[in-house]
Amino acid sequence: MKIYTKFFAIIAVMAFINVAAYADTRIRFAKGRTSATVTGRVANGGRVCYFAGARVGQRLTATVSSRSGKVVIFESGETSYAYDVETRGDQYVCVDNLGGATTYSLTVSIK
């Protein structure tokens, strides 16, 4: 019985670590600014998501660049994306890596 308890505990810890690794990150804009840039590293075939609050009628623009040139914005499959916000609240932007592990820079603007 003890072996099953230990096994369950190990699986639970691994699941928690896995979920925490994929947590979304809030983009914070400096006071008085309408854009922010975040940088990071994305694994081979990985996805990293960010979110920021916006109001209806604002325009969200996102641009990503990477060392490999293989990182795109998931909604568009392109390195830049823009849309008019239709629902107030958090807006999500995810970057997908279509190549090997690499670093990237994502700039998000909400005006």
C-alpha atoms as a PDB file:
ATOM      1  CA  MET A   1       0.000   0.000   0.000  1.00  0.00           C
ATOM      2  CA  LYS A   2       2.869   2.398   0.770  1.00  0.00           C
ATOM      3  CA  ILE A   3       4.257   2.024  -2.756  1.00  0.00           C
ATOM      4  CA  TYR A   4       0.946   3.183  -4.230  1.00  0.00           C
ATOM      5  CA  THR A   5       0.908   6.235  -1.956  1.00  0.00           C
ATOM      6  CA  LYS A   6       4.437   7.175  -2.970  1.00  0.00           C
ATOM      7  CA  PHE A   7       3.631   6.622  -6.643  1.00  0.00           C
ATOM      8  CA  PHE A   8       0.514   8.812  -6.393  1.00  0.00           C
ATOM      9  CA  ALA A   9       2.491  11.549  -4.619  1.00  0.00           C
ATOM     10  CA  ILE A  10       5.159  11.541  -7.329  1.00  0.00           C
ATOM     11  CA  ILE A  11       2.528  11.733 -10.102  1.00  0.00           C
ATOM     12  CA  ALA A  12       0.749  14.609  -8.311  1.00  0.00           C
ATOM     13  CA  VAL A  13       3.978  16.611  -7.965  1.00  0.00           C
ATOM     14  CA  MET A  14       4.887  16.026 -11.621  1.00  0.00           C
ATOM     15  CA  ALA A  15       1.418  17.164 -12.740  1.00  0.00           C
ATOM     16  CA  PHE A  16       1.669  20.345 -10.639  1.00  0.00           C
ATOM     17  CA  ILE A  17       5.101  21.184 -12.065  1.00  0.00           C
ATOM     18  CA  ASN A  18       3.850  20.565 -15.601  1.00  0.00           C
ATOM     19  CA  VAL A  19       0.812  22.853 -15.135  1.00  0.00           C
ATOM     20  CA  ALA A  20       2.936  25.596 -13.532  1.00  0.00           C
ATOM     21  CA  ALA A  21       5.346  25.502 -16.468  1.00  0.00           C
ATOM     22  CA  TYR A  22       2.522  26.408 -18.846  1.00  0.00           C
ATOM     23  CA  ALA A  23       0.916  29.172 -16.796  1.00  0.00           C
ATOM     24  CA  ASP A  24      -0.053  32.276 -18.737  1.00  0.00           C
ATOM     25  CA  THR A  25       1.788  35.505 -17.960  1.00  0.00           C
ATOM     26  CA  ARG A  26       0.181  38.935 -17.576  1.00  0.00           C
ATOM     27  CA  ILE A  27       1.704  41.700 -19.678  1.00  0.00           C
ATOM     28  CA  ARG A  28       2.144  44.831 -17.602  1.00  0.00           C
ATOM     29  CA  PHE A  29       2.310  48.229 -19.262  1.00  0.00           C
ATOM     30  CA  ALA A  30       4.407  50.969 -17.702  1.00  0.00           C
ATOM     31  CA  LYS A  31       2.361  53.902 -16.445  1.00  0.00           C
ATOM     32  CA  GLY A  32       1.240  56.052 -19.375  1.00  0.00           C
ATOM     33  CA  ARG A  33       2.431  53.524 -21.993  1.00  0.00           C
ATOM     34  CA  THR A  34       0.297  51.623 -24.492  1.00  0.00           C
ATOM     35  CA  SER A  35       2.842  48.964 -25.426  1.00  0.00           C
ATOM     36  CA  ALA A  36       5.145  46.519 -23.689  1.00  0.00           C
ATOM     37  CA  THR A  37       7.809  44.069 -24.807  1.00  0.00           C
ATOM     38  CA  VAL A  38       8.459  40.711 -23.186  1.00  0.00           C
ATOM     39  CA  THR A  39      11.225  38.263 -23.972  1.00  0.00           C
ATOM     40  CA  GLY A  40      11.542  34.591 -23.298  1.00  0.00           C
ATOM     41  CA  ARG A  41      12.549  31.165 -24.422  1.00  0.00           C
ATOM     42  CA  VAL A  42      10.218  28.656 -26.050  1.00  0.00           C
ATOM     43  CA  ALA A  43      10.859  24.932 -26.386  1.00  0.00           C
ATOM     44  CA  ASN A  44      10.884  22.936 -29.605  1.00  0.00           C
ATOM     45  CA  GLY A  45       7.260  22.912 -30.765  1.00  0.00           C
ATOM     46  CA  GLY A  46       6.238  24.849 -27.629  1.00  0.00           C
ATOM     47  CA  ARG A  47       3.693  27.568 -26.913  1.00  0.00           C
ATOM     48  CA  VAL A  48       3.872  30.509 -24.500  1.00  0.00           C
ATOM     49  CA  CYS A  49       0.774  32.618 -23.771  1.00  0.00           C
ATOM     50  CA  TYR A  50       0.355  36.142 -22.418  1.00  0.00           C
ATOM     51  CA  PHE A  51      -2.677  38.235 -21.536  1.00  0.00           C
ATOM     52  CA  ALA A  52      -3.531  41.881 -20.940  1.00  0.00           C
ATOM     53  CA  GLY A  53      -6.707  43.749 -20.139  1.00  0.00           C
ATOM     54  CA  ALA A  54      -8.438  45.803 -22.824  1.00  0.00           C
ATOM     55  CA  ARG A  55     -11.723  47.609 -23.457  1.00  0.00           C
ATOM     56  CA  VAL A  56     -14.187  47.173 -26.303  1.00  0.00           C
ATOM     57  CA  GLY A  57     -13.106  49.198 -29.336  1.00  0.00           C
ATOM     58  CA  GLN A  58      -9.415  49.214 -28.555  1.00  0.00           C
ATOM     59  CA  ARG A  59      -6.991  47.734 -31.078  1.00  0.00           C
ATOM     60  CA  LEU A  60      -4.540  45.056 -29.962  1.00  0.00           C
ATOM     61  CA  THR A  61      -1.395  44.675 -32.051  1.00  0.00           C
ATOM     62  CA  ALA A  62       1.240  42.000 -31.443  1.00  0.00           C
ATOM     63  CA  THR A  63       4.587  41.445 -33.148  1.00  0.00           C
ATOM     64  CA  VAL A  64       7.018  38.608 -32.435  1.00  0.00           C
ATOM     65  CA  SER A  65      10.592  38.040 -33.549  1.00  0.00           C
ATOM     66  CA  SER A  66      12.882  35.138 -32.789  1.00  0.00           C
ATOM     67  CA  ARG A  67      16.454  34.046 -33.359  1.00  0.00           C
ATOM     68  CA  SER A  68      15.252  31.102 -35.448  1.00  0.00           C
ATOM     69  CA  GLY A  69      12.551  32.954 -37.384  1.00  0.00           C
ATOM     70  CA  LYS A  70      10.206  30.038 -36.610  1.00  0.00           C
ATOM     71  CA  VAL A  71       8.108  31.647 -33.851  1.00  0.00           C
ATOM     72  CA  VAL A  72       4.644  32.878 -34.894  1.00  0.00           C
ATOM     73  CA  ILE A  73       1.520  34.276 -33.259  1.00  0.00           C
ATOM     74  CA  PHE A  74      -0.959  31.423 -33.068  1.00  0.00           C
ATOM     75  CA  GLU A  75      -4.052  33.257 -34.237  1.00  0.00           C
ATOM     76  CA  SER A  76      -2.468  34.233 -37.515  1.00  0.00           C
ATOM     77  CA  GLY A  77       0.470  31.911 -38.135  1.00  0.00           C
ATOM     78  CA  GLU A  78       2.376  35.141 -38.897  1.00  0.00           C
ATOM     79  CA  THR A  79       4.874  37.230 -36.940  1.00  0.00           C
ATOM     80  CA  SER A  80       2.418  40.122 -36.548  1.00  0.00           C
ATOM     81  CA  TYR A  81      -1.272  40.213 -35.713  1.00  0.00           C
ATOM     82  CA  ALA A  82      -3.870  42.880 -34.970  1.00  0.00           C
ATOM     83  CA  TYR A  83      -7.548  42.916 -34.078  1.00  0.00           C
ATOM     84  CA  ASP A  84     -10.216  45.173 -32.642  1.00  0.00           C
ATOM     85  CA  VAL A  85     -11.269  44.125 -29.139  1.00  0.00           C
ATOM     86  CA  GLU A  86     -14.917  43.037 -29.070  1.00  0.00           C
ATOM     87  CA  THR A  87     -15.180  41.811 -25.465  1.00  0.00           C
ATOM     88  CA  ARG A  88     -13.925  43.738 -22.426  1.00  0.00           C
ATOM     89  CA  GLY A  89     -11.373  41.967 -20.263  1.00  0.00           C
ATOM     90  CA  ASP A  90      -8.261  39.922 -20.705  1.00  0.00           C
ATOM     91  CA  GLN A  91      -7.051  39.396 -24.272  1.00  0.00           C
ATOM     92  CA  TYR A  92      -4.696  36.511 -25.008  1.00  0.00           C
ATOM     93  CA  VAL A  93      -1.719  36.322 -27.350  1.00  0.00           C
ATOM     94  CA  CYS A  94       0.197  33.061 -27.678  1.00  0.00           C
ATOM     95  CA  VAL A  95       3.410  32.452 -29.536  1.00  0.00           C
ATOM     96  CA  ASP A  96       4.026  29.063 -31.140  1.00  0.00           C
ATOM     97  CA  ASN A  97       7.437  27.715 -31.987  1.00  0.00           C
ATOM     98  CA  LEU A  98       7.492  25.830 -35.283  1.00  0.00           C
ATOM     99  CA  GLY A  99      11.191  24.974 -34.951  1.00  0.00           C
ATOM    100  CA  GLY A 100      13.841  24.089 -32.379  1.00  0.00           C
ATOM    101  CA  ALA A 101      14.101  25.759 -28.962  1.00  0.00           C
ATOM    102  CA  THR A 102      14.822  29.461 -29.327  1.00  0.00           C
ATOM    103  CA  THR A 103      14.502  32.878 -27.725  1.00  0.00           C
ATOM    104  CA  TYR A 104      11.887  35.431 -28.803  1.00  0.00           C
ATOM    105  CA  SER A 105      10.711  38.981 -28.249  1.00  0.00           C
ATOM    106  CA  LEU A 106       6.998  39.844 -28.230  1.00  0.00           C
ATOM    107  CA  THR A 107       5.689  43.420 -28.357  1.00  0.00           C
ATOM    108  CA  VAL A 108       2.026  43.987 -27.543  1.00  0.00           C
ATOM    109  CA  SER A 109       0.255  47.305 -28.014  1.00  0.00           C
ATOM    110  CA  ILE A 110      -3.275  48.198 -26.956  1.00  0.00           C
ATOM    111  CA  LYS A 111      -4.609  51.583 -28.090  1.00  0.00           C
END
